């Protein structure tokens, strides 16, 4: 999800210019040339789940990416949070969309900062989850969804996935 520079004011539609705001901010911002509204770019947030299975949670559910970046590598069921959406609900939604499984989010597992690629998130919130229903079937941007033993993981797509599974 590449963000294009802001070109027009969200308040009045006039052109913006990039400059330092008058409030002491040290970063150049899009500022309206007419109404002087300062436009801040909010961070992109991704949520994901680590669905576990087995008596001790020794199996984790992963999805094989069918989109770039890192097509053909494995990752957690994850995706962007929609505006106004509860992050835990978004994580459960993304898991269902990609795997066909209904999960119950049990707790926050990791909060991982740092954009890994141009279209990536600024923050990844990873939840531990347990499967409560549905049928396993890859969909959306996943070519496959499979259970893996924690000590026999396939090639993983992202640093955030590796970090979440290491914890």
N, C-alpha and C. Protein backbone atom coordinates (compact mmCIF):
# COMPACT_ATOMS: atom_id res chain seq x y z
N UNK A 1 0.85 -1.16 0.00
CA UNK A 1 0.00 0.00 0.00
C UNK A 1 0.90 1.23 0.00
N UNK A 2 1.34 1.66 -1.16
CA UNK A 2 2.19 2.83 -1.28
C UNK A 2 1.34 4.09 -1.14
N UNK A 3 1.81 5.02 -0.32
CA UNK A 3 1.09 6.27 -0.12
C UNK A 3 1.67 7.35 -1.02
N UNK A 4 0.81 7.95 -1.83
CA UNK A 4 1.24 9.07 -2.65
C UNK A 4 1.25 10.33 -1.80
N UNK A 5 2.11 11.27 -2.14
CA UNK A 5 2.12 12.52 -1.39
C UNK A 5 0.75 13.22 -1.48
N UNK A 6 0.39 13.86 -0.40
CA UNK A 6 -0.86 14.62 -0.37
C UNK A 6 -0.72 15.80 -1.33
N UNK A 7 -1.71 16.02 -2.17
CA UNK A 7 -1.66 17.11 -3.14
C UNK A 7 -2.72 18.16 -2.89
N UNK A 8 -3.85 17.74 -2.26
CA UNK A 8 -4.96 18.67 -2.02
C UNK A 8 -5.44 18.58 -0.58
N UNK A 9 -5.91 19.70 -0.08
CA UNK A 9 -6.40 19.79 1.29
C UNK A 9 -7.66 18.95 1.46
N UNK A 10 -7.70 18.18 2.53
CA UNK A 10 -8.88 17.36 2.82
C UNK A 10 -10.04 18.21 3.32
N UNK A 11 -9.76 19.42 3.78
CA UNK A 11 -10.80 20.30 4.31
C UNK A 11 -11.46 21.13 3.22
N UNK A 12 -10.65 21.77 2.36
CA UNK A 12 -11.24 22.69 1.38
C UNK A 12 -10.93 22.36 -0.07
N UNK A 13 -10.01 21.41 -0.33
CA UNK A 13 -9.70 20.99 -1.68
C UNK A 13 -8.62 21.80 -2.38
N UNK A 14 -8.12 22.84 -1.74
CA UNK A 14 -7.07 23.67 -2.35
C UNK A 14 -5.74 22.90 -2.39
N UNK A 15 -4.80 23.41 -3.17
CA UNK A 15 -3.47 22.81 -3.26
C UNK A 15 -2.74 22.94 -1.93
N UNK A 16 -1.85 22.00 -1.68
CA UNK A 16 -1.01 22.07 -0.49
C UNK A 16 0.43 22.30 -0.91
N UNK A 17 1.21 22.81 0.02
CA UNK A 17 2.66 22.90 -0.16
C UNK A 17 3.29 22.16 1.01
N UNK A 18 4.49 21.68 0.79
CA UNK A 18 5.21 20.99 1.86
C UNK A 18 6.21 21.97 2.47
N UNK A 19 6.07 22.16 3.78
CA UNK A 19 6.98 23.04 4.52
C UNK A 19 6.87 22.70 6.00
N UNK A 20 7.73 23.32 6.79
CA UNK A 20 7.65 23.14 8.24
C UNK A 20 6.45 23.92 8.77
N UNK A 21 5.65 23.30 9.62
CA UNK A 21 4.52 24.02 10.22
C UNK A 21 5.02 25.09 11.20
N UNK A 22 4.14 25.99 11.55
CA UNK A 22 4.50 27.07 12.47
C UNK A 22 4.49 26.63 13.93
N UNK A 23 4.14 25.37 14.21
CA UNK A 23 4.00 24.92 15.59
C UNK A 23 5.27 24.33 16.19
N UNK A 24 6.39 24.47 15.49
CA UNK A 24 7.65 23.95 16.01
C UNK A 24 7.98 22.55 15.54
N UNK A 25 7.07 21.90 14.79
CA UNK A 25 7.33 20.57 14.23
C UNK A 25 8.59 20.65 13.38
N UNK A 26 9.40 19.63 13.42
CA UNK A 26 10.66 19.63 12.67
C UNK A 26 10.59 18.83 11.38
N UNK A 27 9.38 18.36 11.03
CA UNK A 27 9.21 17.60 9.80
C UNK A 27 8.33 18.38 8.83
N UNK A 28 8.73 18.37 7.57
CA UNK A 28 7.93 19.02 6.53
C UNK A 28 6.58 18.33 6.41
N UNK A 29 5.52 19.11 6.38
CA UNK A 29 4.14 18.59 6.30
C UNK A 29 3.41 19.23 5.13
N UNK A 30 2.34 18.56 4.68
CA UNK A 30 1.46 19.14 3.66
C UNK A 30 0.59 20.18 4.35
N UNK A 31 0.68 21.42 3.89
CA UNK A 31 -0.07 22.51 4.50
C UNK A 31 -0.88 23.20 3.41
N UNK A 32 -2.17 23.39 3.68
CA UNK A 32 -3.08 24.01 2.72
C UNK A 32 -2.68 25.46 2.46
N UNK A 33 -2.68 25.84 1.19
CA UNK A 33 -2.32 27.20 0.82
C UNK A 33 -3.45 28.19 1.07
N UNK A 34 -4.68 27.68 1.33
CA UNK A 34 -5.83 28.56 1.54
C UNK A 34 -6.26 28.58 3.01
N UNK A 35 -6.63 27.42 3.56
CA UNK A 35 -7.15 27.39 4.95
C UNK A 35 -6.07 27.07 5.98
N UNK A 36 -4.86 26.76 5.53
CA UNK A 36 -3.68 26.52 6.37
C UNK A 36 -3.78 25.28 7.26
N UNK A 37 -4.65 24.34 6.90
CA UNK A 37 -4.73 23.07 7.62
C UNK A 37 -3.43 22.30 7.43
N UNK A 38 -2.89 21.79 8.53
CA UNK A 38 -1.69 20.95 8.47
C UNK A 38 -2.16 19.50 8.38
N UNK A 39 -1.67 18.78 7.39
CA UNK A 39 -2.06 17.38 7.19
C UNK A 39 -0.94 16.46 7.64
N UNK A 40 -1.25 15.64 8.64
CA UNK A 40 -0.30 14.67 9.17
C UNK A 40 -0.61 13.32 8.56
N UNK A 41 0.44 12.55 8.26
CA UNK A 41 0.25 11.20 7.73
C UNK A 41 0.30 10.23 8.90
N UNK A 42 -0.80 9.54 9.12
CA UNK A 42 -0.88 8.59 10.22
C UNK A 42 -0.22 7.27 9.84
N UNK A 43 0.28 6.54 10.82
CA UNK A 43 0.95 5.27 10.52
C UNK A 43 -0.05 4.23 10.02
N UNK A 44 0.46 3.32 9.20
CA UNK A 44 -0.32 2.17 8.74
C UNK A 44 -0.13 1.04 9.74
N UNK A 45 -1.22 0.39 10.08
CA UNK A 45 -1.17 -0.68 11.06
C UNK A 45 -1.66 -1.99 10.45
N UNK A 46 -0.90 -3.03 10.67
CA UNK A 46 -1.26 -4.38 10.26
C UNK A 46 -1.49 -5.19 11.52
N UNK A 47 -2.45 -6.09 11.44
CA UNK A 47 -2.69 -7.03 12.53
C UNK A 47 -2.59 -8.44 11.98
N UNK A 48 -2.15 -9.34 12.81
CA UNK A 48 -2.04 -10.73 12.41
C UNK A 48 -2.33 -11.63 13.59
N UNK A 49 -2.54 -12.88 13.28
CA UNK A 49 -2.76 -13.86 14.34
C UNK A 49 -1.75 -14.99 14.23
N UNK A 50 -1.47 -15.58 15.36
CA UNK A 50 -0.73 -16.84 15.43
C UNK A 50 -1.73 -17.85 15.94
N UNK A 51 -2.48 -18.45 15.01
CA UNK A 51 -3.39 -19.51 15.44
C UNK A 51 -2.57 -20.74 15.81
N UNK A 52 -2.86 -21.32 16.96
CA UNK A 52 -2.10 -22.48 17.43
C UNK A 52 -3.02 -23.69 17.57
N UNK A 53 -2.40 -24.86 17.49
CA UNK A 53 -3.12 -26.11 17.58
C UNK A 53 -2.21 -27.12 18.26
N UNK A 54 -2.80 -28.08 18.91
CA UNK A 54 -2.04 -29.10 19.62
C UNK A 54 -2.11 -28.86 21.11
N UNK A 55 -1.78 -29.87 21.86
CA UNK A 55 -1.89 -29.79 23.31
C UNK A 55 -1.04 -28.67 23.91
N UNK A 56 0.10 -28.40 23.32
CA UNK A 56 0.97 -27.34 23.85
C UNK A 56 1.16 -26.21 22.85
N UNK A 57 0.30 -26.15 21.83
CA UNK A 57 0.43 -25.11 20.81
C UNK A 57 1.63 -25.31 19.92
N UNK A 58 1.98 -26.58 19.70
CA UNK A 58 3.19 -26.86 18.93
C UNK A 58 3.03 -26.67 17.43
N UNK A 59 1.80 -26.47 16.95
CA UNK A 59 1.55 -26.21 15.53
C UNK A 59 1.04 -24.78 15.37
N UNK A 60 1.53 -24.10 14.31
CA UNK A 60 1.07 -22.75 13.99
C UNK A 60 0.55 -22.73 12.55
N UNK A 61 -0.43 -21.90 12.33
CA UNK A 61 -1.03 -21.76 11.00
C UNK A 61 -0.34 -20.65 10.23
N UNK A 62 0.11 -20.97 9.02
CA UNK A 62 0.76 -19.98 8.16
C UNK A 62 0.10 -19.97 6.79
N UNK A 63 0.28 -18.84 6.09
CA UNK A 63 -0.28 -18.66 4.75
C UNK A 63 0.85 -18.44 3.75
N UNK A 64 0.71 -19.04 2.59
CA UNK A 64 1.66 -18.87 1.50
C UNK A 64 1.22 -17.66 0.67
N UNK A 65 2.05 -16.63 0.61
CA UNK A 65 1.68 -15.38 -0.07
C UNK A 65 1.57 -15.59 -1.59
N UNK A 66 0.51 -15.02 -2.17
CA UNK A 66 0.39 -15.05 -3.63
C UNK A 66 0.49 -13.65 -4.22
N UNK A 67 0.96 -12.70 -3.41
CA UNK A 67 1.16 -11.33 -3.87
C UNK A 67 2.55 -10.85 -3.45
N UNK A 68 3.03 -9.85 -4.15
CA UNK A 68 4.29 -9.21 -3.76
C UNK A 68 3.99 -8.21 -2.65
N UNK A 69 4.91 -7.95 -1.81
CA UNK A 69 6.26 -8.48 -1.81
C UNK A 69 6.34 -9.87 -1.18
N UNK A 70 7.37 -10.55 -1.52
CA UNK A 70 7.72 -11.84 -0.96
C UNK A 70 6.73 -12.95 -1.31
N UNK A 71 6.21 -12.87 -2.52
CA UNK A 71 5.33 -13.93 -3.04
C UNK A 71 6.08 -15.27 -2.95
N UNK A 72 5.33 -16.32 -2.56
CA UNK A 72 5.92 -17.64 -2.47
C UNK A 72 6.58 -17.96 -1.14
N UNK A 73 6.51 -17.03 -0.20
CA UNK A 73 7.01 -17.29 1.15
C UNK A 73 5.83 -17.29 2.12
N UNK A 74 6.08 -17.78 3.30
CA UNK A 74 5.02 -17.99 4.29
C UNK A 74 4.96 -16.86 5.31
N UNK A 75 3.76 -16.58 5.76
CA UNK A 75 3.55 -15.54 6.75
C UNK A 75 2.33 -15.86 7.61
N UNK A 76 2.14 -15.06 8.61
CA UNK A 76 0.95 -15.19 9.46
C UNK A 76 -0.27 -14.72 8.68
N UNK A 77 -1.46 -15.21 9.02
CA UNK A 77 -2.67 -14.60 8.47
C UNK A 77 -2.72 -13.16 9.01
N UNK A 78 -2.70 -12.19 8.11
CA UNK A 78 -2.57 -10.80 8.55
C UNK A 78 -3.06 -9.85 7.48
N UNK A 79 -3.30 -8.60 7.90
CA UNK A 79 -3.68 -7.57 6.95
C UNK A 79 -3.88 -6.24 7.64
N UNK A 80 -4.22 -5.24 6.85
CA UNK A 80 -4.37 -3.88 7.36
C UNK A 80 -5.65 -3.72 8.17
N UNK A 81 -5.57 -2.86 9.18
CA UNK A 81 -6.72 -2.49 9.99
C UNK A 81 -7.48 -1.42 9.22
N UNK A 82 -8.79 -1.57 9.08
CA UNK A 82 -9.62 -0.55 8.46
C UNK A 82 -9.86 0.58 9.45
N UNK A 83 -10.09 1.79 8.95
CA UNK A 83 -10.39 2.93 9.81
C UNK A 83 -11.57 2.62 10.71
N UNK A 84 -11.42 2.90 12.00
CA UNK A 84 -12.50 2.67 12.96
C UNK A 84 -12.68 1.23 13.40
N UNK A 85 -11.86 0.32 12.89
CA UNK A 85 -12.00 -1.11 13.21
C UNK A 85 -11.18 -1.45 14.45
N UNK A 86 -11.75 -2.27 15.33
CA UNK A 86 -11.02 -2.77 16.48
C UNK A 86 -9.89 -3.68 15.98
N UNK A 87 -8.65 -3.47 16.42
CA UNK A 87 -7.54 -4.28 15.91
C UNK A 87 -7.70 -5.78 16.12
N UNK A 88 -8.21 -6.20 17.27
CA UNK A 88 -8.39 -7.64 17.51
C UNK A 88 -9.44 -8.22 16.57
N UNK A 89 -10.52 -7.47 16.33
CA UNK A 89 -11.55 -7.92 15.38
C UNK A 89 -10.98 -7.96 13.97
N UNK A 90 -10.13 -6.99 13.63
CA UNK A 90 -9.49 -6.98 12.32
C UNK A 90 -8.59 -8.21 12.14
N UNK A 91 -7.88 -8.59 13.19
CA UNK A 91 -7.01 -9.76 13.12
C UNK A 91 -7.82 -11.03 12.88
N UNK A 92 -8.94 -11.16 13.59
CA UNK A 92 -9.81 -12.33 13.39
C UNK A 92 -10.41 -12.32 11.99
N UNK A 93 -10.81 -11.14 11.50
CA UNK A 93 -11.36 -11.02 10.14
C UNK A 93 -10.33 -11.45 9.11
N UNK A 94 -9.12 -10.94 9.23
CA UNK A 94 -8.06 -11.28 8.27
C UNK A 94 -7.77 -12.78 8.27
N UNK A 95 -7.76 -13.38 9.45
CA UNK A 95 -7.52 -14.82 9.53
C UNK A 95 -8.62 -15.58 8.78
N UNK A 96 -9.86 -15.18 9.00
CA UNK A 96 -10.97 -15.85 8.31
C UNK A 96 -10.87 -15.65 6.80
N UNK A 97 -10.58 -14.42 6.36
CA UNK A 97 -10.51 -14.14 4.92
C UNK A 97 -9.42 -14.95 4.23
N UNK A 98 -8.31 -15.18 4.91
CA UNK A 98 -7.18 -15.87 4.28
C UNK A 98 -7.18 -17.37 4.48
N UNK A 99 -7.84 -17.86 5.55
CA UNK A 99 -7.75 -19.29 5.87
C UNK A 99 -9.08 -20.01 5.97
N UNK A 100 -10.18 -19.27 6.06
CA UNK A 100 -11.49 -19.89 6.25
C UNK A 100 -11.76 -20.31 7.68
N UNK A 101 -10.82 -20.04 8.59
CA UNK A 101 -10.99 -20.44 9.98
C UNK A 101 -11.46 -19.27 10.85
N UNK A 102 -12.34 -19.58 11.76
CA UNK A 102 -12.83 -18.61 12.73
C UNK A 102 -11.94 -18.75 13.95
N UNK A 103 -11.40 -17.63 14.41
CA UNK A 103 -10.51 -17.68 15.57
C UNK A 103 -11.02 -16.76 16.66
N UNK A 104 -10.62 -17.10 17.87
CA UNK A 104 -10.84 -16.24 19.03
C UNK A 104 -9.47 -15.71 19.44
N UNK A 105 -9.33 -14.40 19.37
CA UNK A 105 -8.09 -13.76 19.79
C UNK A 105 -8.01 -13.85 21.30
N UNK A 106 -6.87 -14.35 21.82
CA UNK A 106 -6.76 -14.54 23.26
C UNK A 106 -5.90 -13.48 23.95
N UNK A 107 -4.86 -12.98 23.26
CA UNK A 107 -4.04 -11.93 23.87
C UNK A 107 -3.08 -11.37 22.82
N UNK A 108 -2.55 -10.19 23.14
CA UNK A 108 -1.51 -9.60 22.29
C UNK A 108 -0.22 -10.39 22.52
N UNK A 109 0.37 -10.80 21.43
CA UNK A 109 1.62 -11.56 21.50
C UNK A 109 2.83 -10.64 21.29
N UNK A 110 2.75 -9.76 20.32
CA UNK A 110 3.86 -8.85 19.99
C UNK A 110 3.31 -7.56 19.39
N UNK A 111 4.02 -6.48 19.61
CA UNK A 111 3.82 -5.22 18.91
C UNK A 111 5.15 -4.92 18.26
N UNK A 112 5.19 -4.98 16.93
CA UNK A 112 6.45 -4.90 16.20
C UNK A 112 6.49 -3.63 15.37
N UNK A 113 7.39 -2.69 15.72
CA UNK A 113 7.50 -1.46 14.93
C UNK A 113 8.47 -1.62 13.78
N UNK A 114 8.36 -0.75 12.79
CA UNK A 114 9.36 -0.70 11.73
C UNK A 114 8.86 -1.22 10.40
N UNK A 115 8.78 -0.34 9.44
CA UNK A 115 8.33 -0.69 8.09
C UNK A 115 9.38 -1.54 7.40
N UNK A 116 8.97 -2.72 6.90
CA UNK A 116 9.90 -3.64 6.26
C UNK A 116 10.04 -3.42 4.76
N UNK A 117 9.04 -2.80 4.16
CA UNK A 117 9.09 -2.53 2.73
C UNK A 117 8.18 -1.34 2.44
N UNK A 118 8.29 -0.79 1.25
CA UNK A 118 7.61 0.45 0.88
C UNK A 118 6.10 0.44 1.13
N UNK A 119 5.44 -0.69 0.88
CA UNK A 119 3.98 -0.76 1.04
C UNK A 119 3.58 -1.34 2.38
N UNK A 120 4.53 -1.53 3.26
CA UNK A 120 4.26 -2.21 4.52
C UNK A 120 3.73 -1.31 5.61
N UNK A 121 3.54 -1.92 6.74
CA UNK A 121 2.98 -1.23 7.91
C UNK A 121 4.08 -0.59 8.74
N UNK A 122 3.68 0.41 9.49
CA UNK A 122 4.58 1.03 10.45
C UNK A 122 4.59 0.24 11.76
N UNK A 123 3.46 -0.41 12.06
CA UNK A 123 3.33 -1.25 13.25
C UNK A 123 2.60 -2.53 12.87
N UNK A 124 3.08 -3.66 13.42
CA UNK A 124 2.38 -4.94 13.27
C UNK A 124 2.00 -5.40 14.68
N UNK A 125 0.71 -5.58 14.88
CA UNK A 125 0.20 -6.10 16.15
C UNK A 125 -0.14 -7.57 15.91
N UNK A 126 0.49 -8.45 16.66
CA UNK A 126 0.28 -9.89 16.49
C UNK A 126 -0.43 -10.43 17.73
N UNK A 127 -1.50 -11.17 17.47
CA UNK A 127 -2.31 -11.77 18.54
C UNK A 127 -2.16 -13.28 18.53
N UNK A 128 -2.16 -13.87 19.70
CA UNK A 128 -2.29 -15.31 19.83
C UNK A 128 -3.78 -15.62 19.64
N UNK A 129 -4.09 -16.72 18.96
CA UNK A 129 -5.49 -17.03 18.68
C UNK A 129 -5.72 -18.53 18.73
N UNK A 130 -6.96 -18.90 19.06
CA UNK A 130 -7.34 -20.31 19.01
C UNK A 130 -8.48 -20.46 18.01
N UNK A 131 -8.45 -21.55 17.29
CA UNK A 131 -9.47 -21.83 16.27
C UNK A 131 -10.75 -22.28 16.96
N UNK A 132 -11.86 -21.67 16.56
CA UNK A 132 -13.15 -22.03 17.14
C UNK A 132 -14.13 -22.59 16.11
N UNK A 133 -13.78 -22.52 14.82
CA UNK A 133 -14.68 -23.03 13.79
C UNK A 133 -14.15 -22.78 12.40
N UNK A 134 -15.00 -23.04 11.41
CA UNK A 134 -14.63 -22.84 10.02
C UNK A 134 -13.95 -24.07 9.43
N UNK A 135 -13.62 -23.96 8.14
CA UNK A 135 -12.91 -25.02 7.44
C UNK A 135 -11.69 -24.43 6.77
N UNK A 136 -10.55 -25.08 6.96
CA UNK A 136 -9.30 -24.59 6.41
C UNK A 136 -9.35 -24.58 4.89
N UNK A 137 -9.22 -23.39 4.30
CA UNK A 137 -9.21 -23.22 2.85
C UNK A 137 -8.55 -21.88 2.54
N UNK A 138 -7.45 -21.91 1.81
CA UNK A 138 -6.75 -20.67 1.47
C UNK A 138 -7.62 -19.81 0.57
N UNK A 139 -7.58 -18.50 0.82
CA UNK A 139 -8.35 -17.56 0.00
C UNK A 139 -7.66 -16.19 0.08
N UNK A 140 -8.28 -15.20 -0.53
CA UNK A 140 -7.81 -13.82 -0.55
C UNK A 140 -6.41 -13.77 -1.13
N UNK A 141 -5.40 -13.33 -0.38
CA UNK A 141 -4.05 -13.23 -0.94
C UNK A 141 -3.14 -14.38 -0.50
N UNK A 142 -3.75 -15.53 -0.21
CA UNK A 142 -2.98 -16.73 0.18
C UNK A 142 -3.21 -17.85 -0.83
N UNK A 143 -2.12 -18.45 -1.29
CA UNK A 143 -2.21 -19.62 -2.17
C UNK A 143 -2.44 -20.90 -1.39
N UNK A 144 -2.01 -20.90 -0.14
CA UNK A 144 -2.16 -22.07 0.71
C UNK A 144 -2.21 -21.62 2.16
N UNK A 145 -2.84 -22.43 2.98
CA UNK A 145 -2.85 -22.22 4.44
C UNK A 145 -2.61 -23.58 5.06
N UNK A 146 -1.56 -23.69 5.86
CA UNK A 146 -1.17 -24.99 6.40
C UNK A 146 -0.66 -24.85 7.83
N UNK A 147 -0.79 -25.96 8.57
CA UNK A 147 -0.24 -26.05 9.92
C UNK A 147 1.20 -26.52 9.84
N UNK A 148 2.07 -25.89 10.64
CA UNK A 148 3.48 -26.25 10.70
C UNK A 148 3.90 -26.42 12.14
N UNK A 149 4.78 -27.41 12.37
CA UNK A 149 5.38 -27.53 13.69
C UNK A 149 6.32 -26.35 13.88
N UNK A 150 6.32 -25.83 15.10
CA UNK A 150 7.15 -24.64 15.37
C UNK A 150 8.63 -24.87 15.09
N UNK A 151 9.10 -26.10 15.21
CA UNK A 151 10.52 -26.38 14.96
C UNK A 151 10.79 -26.84 13.53
N UNK A 152 9.80 -26.73 12.64
CA UNK A 152 9.98 -27.12 11.23
C UNK A 152 9.24 -26.13 10.33
N UNK A 153 9.57 -24.84 10.47
CA UNK A 153 8.88 -23.79 9.72
C UNK A 153 9.42 -23.68 8.30
N UNK A 154 8.58 -23.31 7.34
CA UNK A 154 9.01 -23.09 5.97
C UNK A 154 9.71 -21.72 5.85
N UNK A 155 10.18 -21.34 4.65
CA UNK A 155 10.79 -20.02 4.48
C UNK A 155 9.77 -18.91 4.77
N UNK A 156 10.11 -18.05 5.72
CA UNK A 156 9.18 -17.01 6.17
C UNK A 156 9.42 -15.70 5.42
N UNK A 157 8.33 -14.98 5.19
CA UNK A 157 8.36 -13.78 4.36
C UNK A 157 8.92 -12.55 5.06
N UNK A 158 8.61 -12.38 6.33
CA UNK A 158 8.89 -11.10 6.97
C UNK A 158 9.60 -11.26 8.31
N UNK A 159 10.38 -10.24 8.66
CA UNK A 159 11.02 -10.18 9.96
C UNK A 159 9.98 -10.24 11.07
N UNK A 160 8.84 -9.55 10.88
CA UNK A 160 7.79 -9.53 11.90
C UNK A 160 7.24 -10.94 12.15
N UNK A 161 7.09 -11.73 11.10
CA UNK A 161 6.62 -13.11 11.26
C UNK A 161 7.64 -13.92 12.06
N UNK A 162 8.90 -13.77 11.71
CA UNK A 162 9.96 -14.50 12.43
C UNK A 162 9.98 -14.10 13.90
N UNK A 163 9.86 -12.80 14.17
CA UNK A 163 9.89 -12.32 15.55
C UNK A 163 8.70 -12.83 16.34
N UNK A 164 7.51 -12.79 15.75
CA UNK A 164 6.31 -13.25 16.45
C UNK A 164 6.39 -14.74 16.76
N UNK A 165 6.93 -15.53 15.86
CA UNK A 165 7.00 -16.97 16.08
C UNK A 165 8.15 -17.37 16.99
N UNK A 166 9.12 -16.49 17.16
CA UNK A 166 10.24 -16.78 18.07
C UNK A 166 9.84 -16.58 19.53
N UNK A 167 8.81 -15.74 19.75
CA UNK A 167 8.43 -15.40 21.13
C UNK A 167 7.61 -16.43 21.83
